[in-house]
C-alpha atoms as a PDB file:
ATOM      1  CA  MET A   1      16.283 136.556 -51.824  1.00  0.00           C
ATOM      2  CA  ALA A   2      19.163 134.333 -50.871  1.00  0.00           C
ATOM      3  CA  GLU A   3      20.894 134.895 -47.500  1.00  0.00           C
ATOM      4  CA  ASN A   4      24.267 135.007 -49.220  1.00  0.00           C
ATOM      5  CA  SER A   5      23.181 137.977 -51.339  1.00  0.00           C
ATOM      6  CA  ILE A   6      21.834 139.840 -48.395  1.00  0.00           C
ATOM      7  CA  LYS A   7      25.042 139.212 -46.455  1.00  0.00           C
ATOM      8  CA  GLU A   8      27.103 140.481 -49.299  1.00  0.00           C
ATOM      9  CA  ILE A   9      25.190 143.709 -49.684  1.00  0.00           C
ATOM     10  CA  LEU A  10      25.213 144.275 -45.752  1.00  0.00           C
ATOM     11  CA  THR A  11      29.079 143.630 -45.801  1.00  0.00           C
ATOM     12  CA  ASP A  12      29.659 145.972 -48.675  1.00  0.00           C
ATOM     13  CA  TYR A  13      28.037 148.763 -46.759  1.00  0.00           C
ATOM     14  CA  GLY A  14      29.976 148.054 -43.684  1.00  0.00           C
ATOM     15  CA  PHE A  15      27.375 146.243 -41.670  1.00  0.00           C
ATOM     16  CA  GLU A  16      29.093 142.874 -41.496  1.00  0.00           C
ATOM     17  CA  GLN A  17      28.404 142.892 -37.594  1.00  0.00           C
ATOM     18  CA  PHE A  18      24.746 142.216 -38.513  1.00  0.00           C
ATOM     19  CA  THR A  19      25.316 139.290 -40.644  1.00  0.00           C
ATOM     20  CA  ASP A  20      25.299 136.414 -38.082  1.00  0.00           C
ATOM     21  CA  SER A  21      23.031 133.475 -38.886  1.00  0.00           C
ATOM     22  CA  ILE A  22      20.079 134.799 -36.865  1.00  0.00           C
ATOM     23  CA  ALA A  23      20.046 138.329 -38.246  1.00  0.00           C
ATOM     24  CA  LEU A  24      20.465 137.046 -41.837  1.00  0.00           C
ATOM     25  CA  SER A  25      17.560 134.634 -41.307  1.00  0.00           C
ATOM     26  CA  ARG A  26      15.450 137.574 -40.164  1.00  0.00           C
ATOM     27  CA  PHE A  27      16.438 139.896 -43.017  1.00  0.00           C
ATOM     28  CA  THR A  28      15.677 137.120 -45.388  1.00  0.00           C
ATOM     29  CA  ALA A  29      12.304 136.487 -43.867  1.00  0.00           C
ATOM     30  CA  LEU A  30      11.566 140.163 -43.867  1.00  0.00           C
ATOM     31  CA  THR A  31      12.342 140.522 -47.405  1.00  0.00           C
ATOM     32  CA  ASP A  32      10.189 137.524 -48.603  1.00  0.00           C
ATOM     33  CA  ARG A  33       7.331 138.736 -46.377  1.00  0.00           C
ATOM     34  CA  LEU A  34       7.552 142.292 -47.696  1.00  0.00           C
ATOM     35  CA  VAL A  35       7.576 141.229 -51.372  1.00  0.00           C
ATOM     36  CA  SER A  36       4.612 138.757 -50.743  1.00  0.00           C
ATOM     37  CA  GLU A  37       2.415 141.113 -48.604  1.00  0.00           C
ATOM     38  CA  ASN A  38       3.236 144.213 -50.785  1.00  0.00           C
ATOM     39  CA  LYS A  39       1.210 142.517 -53.667  1.00  0.00           C
ATOM     40  CA  LYS A  40      -1.872 142.508 -51.275  1.00  0.00           C
ATOM     41  CA  TYR A  41      -1.466 145.681 -49.309  1.00  0.00           C
ATOM     42  CA  ASN A  42       0.626 148.066 -51.472  1.00  0.00           C
ATOM     43  CA  LEU A  43       2.971 148.742 -48.575  1.00  0.00           C
ATOM     44  CA  THR A  44       5.917 150.200 -50.588  1.00  0.00           C
ATOM     45  CA  SER A  45       6.605 151.284 -54.099  1.00  0.00           C
ATOM     46  CA  ILE A  46      10.046 149.627 -53.733  1.00  0.00           C
ATOM     47  CA  SER A  47       9.413 146.021 -54.551  1.00  0.00           C
ATOM     48  CA  GLU A  48      12.572 144.415 -56.105  1.00  0.00           C
ATOM     49  CA  PRO A  49      14.439 142.452 -53.428  1.00  0.00           C
ATOM     50  CA  GLY A  50      17.874 144.140 -54.200  1.00  0.00           C
ATOM     51  CA  ASP A  51      16.317 147.604 -53.909  1.00  0.00           C
ATOM     52  CA  ILE A  52      14.555 146.644 -50.806  1.00  0.00           C
ATOM     53  CA  ILE A  53      17.887 145.846 -49.215  1.00  0.00           C
ATOM     54  CA  VAL A  54      19.662 148.929 -50.186  1.00  0.00           C
ATOM     55  CA  LYS A  55      16.919 151.550 -50.394  1.00  0.00           C
ATOM     56  CA  HIS A  56      15.081 150.351 -47.107  1.00  0.00           C
ATOM     57  CA  TYR A  57      17.373 148.216 -45.018  1.00  0.00           C
ATOM     58  CA  ILE A  58      20.728 150.102 -45.648  1.00  0.00           C
ATOM     59  CA  ASP A  59      19.125 153.329 -45.502  1.00  0.00           C
ATOM     60  CA  SER A  60      17.373 152.488 -42.237  1.00  0.00           C
ATOM     61  CA  LEU A  61      20.555 151.204 -40.690  1.00  0.00           C
ATOM     62  CA  ALA A  62      22.635 154.209 -41.804  1.00  0.00           C
ATOM     63  CA  VAL A  63      21.847 155.965 -38.534  1.00  0.00           C
ATOM     64  CA  LEU A  64      23.973 153.424 -36.768  1.00  0.00           C
ATOM     65  CA  LYS A  65      26.971 154.808 -38.725  1.00  0.00           C
ATOM     66  CA  PHE A  66      26.554 158.367 -37.430  1.00  0.00           C
ATOM     67  CA  PHE A  67      24.773 158.175 -34.154  1.00  0.00           C
ATOM     68  CA  ASN A  68      25.271 156.020 -31.141  1.00  0.00           C
ATOM     69  CA  PHE A  69      22.144 154.800 -29.540  1.00  0.00           C
ATOM     70  CA  GLU A  70      22.785 153.843 -25.864  1.00  0.00           C
ATOM     71  CA  ASN A  71      21.916 150.396 -24.875  1.00  0.00           C
ATOM     72  CA  ASN A  72      18.588 149.365 -23.746  1.00  0.00           C
ATOM     73  CA  LYS A  73      16.835 152.707 -24.436  1.00  0.00           C
ATOM     74  CA  ASN A  74      13.399 153.098 -26.042  1.00  0.00           C
ATOM     75  CA  ILE A  75      12.692 154.591 -29.467  1.00  0.00           C
ATOM     76  CA  ILE A  76       9.517 155.577 -31.153  1.00  0.00           C
ATOM     77  CA  ASP A  77       9.257 155.500 -35.005  1.00  0.00           C
ATOM     78  CA  ILE A  78       6.786 158.205 -36.047  1.00  0.00           C
ATOM     79  CA  GLY A  79       4.874 157.243 -39.158  1.00  0.00           C
ATOM     80  CA  ALA A  80       6.461 153.779 -39.362  1.00  0.00           C
ATOM     81  CA  GLY A  81       4.755 152.808 -42.589  1.00  0.00           C
ATOM     82  CA  ALA A  82       5.851 149.481 -43.777  1.00  0.00           C
ATOM     83  CA  GLY A  83       8.253 149.325 -40.814  1.00  0.00           C
ATOM     84  CA  PHE A  84      11.178 151.437 -41.809  1.00  0.00           C
ATOM     85  CA  PRO A  85      13.522 152.274 -40.087  1.00  0.00           C
ATOM     86  CA  SER A  86      12.024 150.252 -37.169  1.00  0.00           C
ATOM     87  CA  LEU A  87      12.170 146.701 -38.472  1.00  0.00           C
ATOM     88  CA  PRO A  88      15.812 146.681 -39.709  1.00  0.00           C
ATOM     89  CA  LEU A  89      16.746 148.447 -36.364  1.00  0.00           C
ATOM     90  CA  MET A  90      14.994 145.764 -34.363  1.00  0.00           C
ATOM     91  CA  ILE A  91      16.938 142.980 -36.165  1.00  0.00           C
ATOM     92  CA  ALA A  92      20.313 144.997 -35.912  1.00  0.00           C
ATOM     93  CA  ARG A  93      19.864 146.217 -32.320  1.00  0.00           C
ATOM     94  CA  GLY A  94      17.828 143.693 -30.374  1.00  0.00           C
ATOM     95  CA  ASP A  95      18.559 145.591 -27.085  1.00  0.00           C
ATOM     96  CA  LEU A  96      16.561 148.569 -28.142  1.00  0.00           C
ATOM     97  CA  ASP A  97      12.839 148.812 -27.202  1.00  0.00           C
ATOM     98  CA  ILE A  98      11.392 150.124 -30.553  1.00  0.00           C
ATOM     99  CA  THR A  99       7.649 151.275 -30.865  1.00  0.00           C
ATOM    100  CA  PRO A 100       6.456 151.792 -34.421  1.00  0.00           C
ATOM    101  CA  LEU A 101       3.513 154.294 -34.618  1.00  0.00           C
ATOM    102  CA  ASP A 102       1.327 154.627 -37.691  1.00  0.00           C
ATOM    103  CA  SER A 103      -2.180 155.813 -38.430  1.00  0.00           C
ATOM    104  CA  SER A 104      -2.843 153.070 -41.065  1.00  0.00           C
ATOM    105  CA  ASN A 105      -4.591 149.970 -39.699  1.00  0.00           C
ATOM    106  CA  LYS A 106      -3.223 147.728 -42.590  1.00  0.00           C
ATOM    107  CA  LYS A 107       0.311 148.939 -41.917  1.00  0.00           C
ATOM    108  CA  VAL A 108       0.125 148.372 -38.104  1.00  0.00           C
ATOM    109  CA  TYR A 109      -1.363 144.856 -38.766  1.00  0.00           C
ATOM    110  CA  TYR A 110       1.469 144.119 -41.174  1.00  0.00           C
ATOM    111  CA  ILE A 111       4.120 145.347 -38.822  1.00  0.00           C
ATOM    112  CA  ASN A 112       2.708 143.405 -35.906  1.00  0.00           C
ATOM    113  CA  ARG A 113       2.389 140.168 -37.764  1.00  0.00           C
ATOM    114  CA  THR A 114       5.958 140.691 -39.224  1.00  0.00           C
ATOM    115  CA  VAL A 115       7.370 141.165 -35.634  1.00  0.00           C
ATOM    116  CA  LYS A 116       5.650 137.880 -34.644  1.00  0.00           C
ATOM    117  CA  GLU A 117       7.021 136.030 -37.616  1.00  0.00           C
ATOM    118  CA  LEU A 118      10.601 137.329 -37.080  1.00  0.00           C
ATOM    119  CA  PHE A 119      11.003 137.210 -33.406  1.00  0.00           C
ATOM    120  CA  GLY A 120       8.383 134.756 -32.020  1.00  0.00           C
ATOM    121  CA  ASP A 121       7.764 135.220 -28.414  1.00  0.00           C
ATOM    122  CA  GLU A 122      11.027 137.214 -28.092  1.00  0.00           C
ATOM    123  CA  LYS A 123       9.326 140.458 -28.734  1.00  0.00           C
ATOM    124  CA  LYS A 124       5.581 141.423 -28.300  1.00  0.00           C
ATOM    125  CA  PRO A 125       3.916 143.110 -31.279  1.00  0.00           C
ATOM    126  CA  PRO A 126       4.800 146.719 -30.375  1.00  0.00           C
ATOM    127  CA  THR A 127       2.960 148.847 -32.844  1.00  0.00           C
ATOM    128  CA  ILE A 128       0.595 151.734 -31.927  1.00  0.00           C
ATOM    129  CA  CYS A 129      -2.213 152.676 -34.287  1.00  0.00           C
ATOM    130  CA  GLY A 130      -3.071 156.403 -34.193  1.00  0.00           C
ATOM    131  CA  ARG A 131      -2.361 159.966 -35.223  1.00  0.00           C
ATOM    132  CA  ALA A 132       0.828 161.351 -33.678  1.00  0.00           C
ATOM    133  CA  GLU A 133      -0.681 164.677 -32.945  1.00  0.00           C
ATOM    134  CA  ILE A 134      -3.447 163.025 -30.750  1.00  0.00           C
ATOM    135  CA  LEU A 135      -1.181 160.393 -29.118  1.00  0.00           C
ATOM    136  CA  ALA A 136       1.456 162.970 -28.248  1.00  0.00           C
ATOM    137  CA  LEU A 137      -1.067 164.470 -25.763  1.00  0.00           C
ATOM    138  CA  ASP A 138      -1.762 161.151 -24.036  1.00  0.00           C
ATOM    139  CA  THR A 139       0.033 160.994 -20.779  1.00  0.00           C
ATOM    140  CA  SER A 140       1.039 157.476 -21.392  1.00  0.00           C
ATOM    141  CA  GLN A 141       2.943 158.480 -24.525  1.00  0.00           C
ATOM    142  CA  ARG A 142       3.973 162.007 -23.894  1.00  0.00           C
ATOM    143  CA  GLU A 143       7.669 162.561 -22.861  1.00  0.00           C
ATOM    144  CA  ARG A 144       8.116 158.783 -22.559  1.00  0.00           C
ATOM    145  CA  TYR A 145      10.808 158.014 -25.058  1.00  0.00           C
ATOM    146  CA  ASP A 146      14.624 158.374 -25.141  1.00  0.00           C
ATOM    147  CA  TYR A 147      14.810 158.652 -28.930  1.00  0.00           C
ATOM    148  CA  ALA A 148      12.427 159.327 -31.854  1.00  0.00           C
ATOM    149  CA  VAL A 149      13.023 158.594 -35.459  1.00  0.00           C
ATOM    150  CA  SER A 150      10.974 159.358 -38.575  1.00  0.00           C
ATOM    151  CA  ARG A 151      11.475 158.533 -42.271  1.00  0.00           C
ATOM    152  CA  ALA A 152       9.499 160.181 -45.145  1.00  0.00           C
ATOM    153  CA  VAL A 153       6.564 161.472 -43.176  1.00  0.00           C
ATOM    154  CA  ALA A 154       6.317 165.258 -43.364  1.00  0.00           C
ATOM    155  CA  ARG A 155       8.380 168.266 -43.802  1.00  0.00           C
ATOM    156  CA  LEU A 156      10.620 169.101 -40.974  1.00  0.00           C
ATOM    157  CA  ASN A 157       8.724 172.121 -39.769  1.00  0.00           C
ATOM    158  CA  ILE A 158       5.600 169.957 -39.175  1.00  0.00           C
ATOM    159  CA  LEU A 159       7.563 166.852 -38.140  1.00  0.00           C
ATOM    160  CA  LEU A 160       9.384 168.705 -35.331  1.00  0.00           C
ATOM    161  CA  GLU A 161       6.081 169.554 -33.590  1.00  0.00           C
ATOM    162  CA  LEU A 162       4.659 166.102 -34.038  1.00  0.00           C
ATOM    163  CA  THR A 163       7.557 164.270 -32.683  1.00  0.00           C
ATOM    164  CA  VAL A 164       9.412 166.299 -29.995  1.00  0.00           C
ATOM    165  CA  PRO A 165       6.458 165.932 -27.318  1.00  0.00           C
ATOM    166  CA  PHE A 166       7.079 162.186 -27.335  1.00  0.00           C
ATOM    167  CA  LEU A 167      10.661 162.674 -25.996  1.00  0.00           C
ATOM    168  CA  LYS A 168      11.899 162.893 -22.603  1.00  0.00           C
ATOM    169  CA  PRO A 169      13.759 166.072 -21.850  1.00  0.00           C
ATOM    170  CA  GLY A 170      17.320 165.212 -23.023  1.00  0.00           C
ATOM    171  CA  GLY A 171      15.971 162.891 -25.681  1.00  0.00           C
ATOM    172  CA  VAL A 172      17.060 163.130 -29.291  1.00  0.00           C
ATOM    173  CA  PHE A 173      14.971 163.118 -32.503  1.00  0.00           C
ATOM    174  CA  ILE A 174      16.553 161.884 -35.709  1.00  0.00           C
ATOM    175  CA  ALA A 175      14.872 162.738 -39.037  1.00  0.00           C
ATOM    176  CA  TYR A 176      15.688 160.696 -42.032  1.00  0.00           C
ATOM    177  CA  LYS A 177      15.534 163.088 -44.980  1.00  0.00           C
ATOM    178  CA  GLY A 178      16.342 163.280 -48.751  1.00  0.00           C
ATOM    179  CA  SER A 179      18.818 165.660 -50.181  1.00  0.00           C
ATOM    180  CA  ASP A 180      16.456 168.699 -49.464  1.00  0.00           C
ATOM    181  CA  GLY A 181      16.475 167.995 -45.767  1.00  0.00           C
ATOM    182  CA  GLU A 182      18.807 170.920 -45.059  1.00  0.00           C
ATOM    183  CA  ARG A 183      16.508 173.202 -46.850  1.00  0.00           C
ATOM    184  CA  GLU A 184      13.723 171.988 -44.735  1.00  0.00           C
ATOM    185  CA  LEU A 185      15.873 172.672 -41.667  1.00  0.00           C
ATOM    186  CA  GLY A 186      16.080 176.303 -42.899  1.00  0.00           C
ATOM    187  CA  GLU A 187      12.403 176.607 -43.209  1.00  0.00           C
ATOM    188  CA  ILE A 188      11.924 176.286 -39.451  1.00  0.00           C
ATOM    189  CA  LYS A 189      10.938 179.780 -38.171  1.00  0.00           C
ATOM    190  CA  ARG A 190      13.133 181.710 -35.788  1.00  0.00           C
ATOM    191  CA  GLY A 191      11.756 181.205 -32.278  1.00  0.00           C
ATOM    192  CA  SER A 192      10.195 177.810 -32.957  1.00  0.00           C
ATOM    193  CA  TRP A 193      13.162 176.060 -31.333  1.00  0.00           C
ATOM    194  CA  GLU A 194      12.486 177.894 -28.110  1.00  0.00           C
ATOM    195  CA  LYS A 195       8.658 177.284 -28.338  1.00  0.00           C
ATOM    196  CA  LEU A 196       9.172 173.563 -28.339  1.00  0.00           C
ATOM    197  CA  ASN A 197      12.233 173.488 -26.055  1.00  0.00           C
ATOM    198  CA  CYS A 198      14.574 171.826 -28.447  1.00  0.00           C
ATOM    199  CA  GLU A 199      17.806 172.533 -30.196  1.00  0.00           C
ATOM    200  CA  TYR A 200      19.542 171.512 -33.463  1.00  0.00           C
ATOM    201  CA  ILE A 201      22.591 169.144 -32.887  1.00  0.00           C
ATOM    202  CA  ASP A 202      24.108 168.017 -36.148  1.00  0.00           C
ATOM    203  CA  SER A 203      23.395 166.815 -39.611  1.00  0.00           C
ATOM    204  CA  ALA A 204      25.033 163.797 -41.418  1.00  0.00           C
ATOM    205  CA  ARG A 205      24.985 163.870 -45.177  1.00  0.00           C
ATOM    206  CA  TYR A 206      25.617 160.608 -47.044  1.00  0.00           C
ATOM    207  CA  ASP A 207      24.851 159.024 -50.372  1.00  0.00           C
ATOM    208  CA  ILE A 208      23.062 155.752 -50.338  1.00  0.00           C
ATOM    209  CA  GLU A 209      24.890 154.537 -53.442  1.00  0.00           C
ATOM    210  CA  ASP A 210      28.239 155.110 -51.756  1.00  0.00           C
ATOM    211  CA  LYS A 211      28.943 151.653 -50.207  1.00  0.00           C
ATOM    212  CA  THR A 212      31.127 153.254 -47.514  1.00  0.00           C
ATOM    213  CA  LEU A 213      28.283 155.376 -46.286  1.00  0.00           C
ATOM    214  CA  SER A 214      30.753 158.033 -45.480  1.00  0.00           C
ATOM    215  CA  ARG A 215      29.694 161.486 -44.218  1.00  0.00           C
ATOM    216  CA  ARG A 216      29.653 163.958 -47.037  1.00  0.00           C
ATOM    217  CA  GLN A 217      31.407 167.238 -46.577  1.00  0.00           C
ATOM    218  CA  GLY A 218      31.176 170.744 -48.227  1.00  0.00           C
ATOM    219  CA  GLY A 219      29.978 170.450 -51.806  1.00  0.00           C
ATOM    220  CA  GLU A 220      30.110 166.727 -52.152  1.00  0.00           C
ATOM    221  CA  PRO A 221      27.052 165.371 -53.757  1.00  0.00           C
ATOM    222  CA  PHE A 222      24.681 163.427 -51.464  1.00  0.00           C
ATOM    223  CA  SER A 223      21.224 161.876 -51.647  1.00  0.00           C
ATOM    224  CA  ARG A 224      20.303 161.472 -47.902  1.00  0.00           C
ATOM    225  CA  VAL A 225      20.697 163.492 -44.602  1.00  0.00           C
ATOM    226  CA  LEU A 226      20.026 162.670 -41.063  1.00  0.00           C
ATOM    227  CA  ILE A 227      18.984 165.657 -38.966  1.00  0.00           C
ATOM    228  CA  MET A 228      19.547 165.405 -35.130  1.00  0.00           C
ATOM    229  CA  ILE A 229      17.629 167.490 -32.598  1.00  0.00           C
ATOM    230  CA  ARG A 230      17.881 167.440 -28.915  1.00  0.00           C
ATOM    231  CA  LYS A 231      14.948 168.150 -26.496  1.00  0.00           C
ATOM    232  CA  THR A 232      16.110 170.514 -23.776  1.00  0.00           C
ATOM    233  CA  ALA A 233      13.112 170.792 -21.502  1.00  0.00           C
ATOM    234  CA  PRO A 234       9.510 169.555 -21.186  1.00  0.00           C
ATOM    235  CA  THR A 235       7.188 170.449 -24.128  1.00  0.00           C
ATOM    236  CA  PRO A 236       4.896 173.363 -23.184  1.00  0.00           C
ATOM    237  CA  PRO A 237       1.054 172.570 -23.103  1.00  0.00           C
ATOM    238  CA  GLY A 238      -0.716 173.191 -26.299  1.00  0.00           C
ATOM    239  CA  TYR A 239       1.842 171.344 -28.459  1.00  0.00           C
ATOM    240  CA  PRO A 240       1.353 169.566 -30.657  1.00  0.00           C
ATOM    241  CA  ARG A 241      -1.427 171.614 -32.273  1.00  0.00           C
ATOM    242  CA  ARG A 242      -4.132 170.193 -34.509  1.00  0.00           C
ATOM    243  CA  TYR A 243      -2.672 168.920 -37.695  1.00  0.00           C
ATOM    244  CA  ALA A 244      -4.708 171.398 -39.779  1.00  0.00           C
ATOM    245  CA  VAL A 245      -3.237 174.224 -37.819  1.00  0.00           C
ATOM    246  CA  MET A 246       0.317 172.761 -38.144  1.00  0.00           C
ATOM    247  CA  LYS A 247      -0.126 172.651 -41.997  1.00  0.00           C
ATOM    248  CA  THR A 248      -1.440 176.242 -42.377  1.00  0.00           C
ATOM    249  CA  SER A 249       0.899 177.674 -39.824  1.00  0.00           C
ATOM    250  CA  PRO A 250       4.011 175.374 -39.526  1.00  0.00           C
ATOM    251  CA  MET A 251       6.689 176.060 -36.918  1.00  0.00           C
END
């Protein structure tokens, strides 16, 4: 896809600050690589370049409209898949130390090779391969990160338990969800917040087809929601539980 087309879409959605020559070159290379590698590895069901820009890049960057990541902080992307939201965020916010985590070897390999292609020696291939519920018990990963993000991985009552243990006390988890995200928020059982030492902060509802990416209010239609949760104290021992237990008895 031509750089001018990518620049036009980013500008339409209010991300003109990420359209300098270096960023555009990286977004273009990322698009070309995703289209090419998707044919071999089936990384994403979204395969048309224009759809990739809007449904993957714009949606990944939407968090920057509604939440301010402090400079030079570290982020873990739980269930990074083909690298969303982590790869667009790496391009837009080079100051952030972003670690994608995924259990799929092929997706980890793809992300690491893509980071090398986009950034050269500027960034080391950062991806961790493994299951979140196991790695969250590892002292090298537990309570290490300032922020956590996750997009299209699991329902929120499971995702909360998988993700919060990676955060430092005071850290923030942001879940990218579809229009049923607020329903998922309501599914979290009373008392679960206290068990995991976390609290709900805010939700930002928006429509990915609305080029202003404005926060939707009241009964306005919306297609996406970002749910923001703060960790208030260290995660108690025993969390996260085994995934099979989380599925049968979610928080």
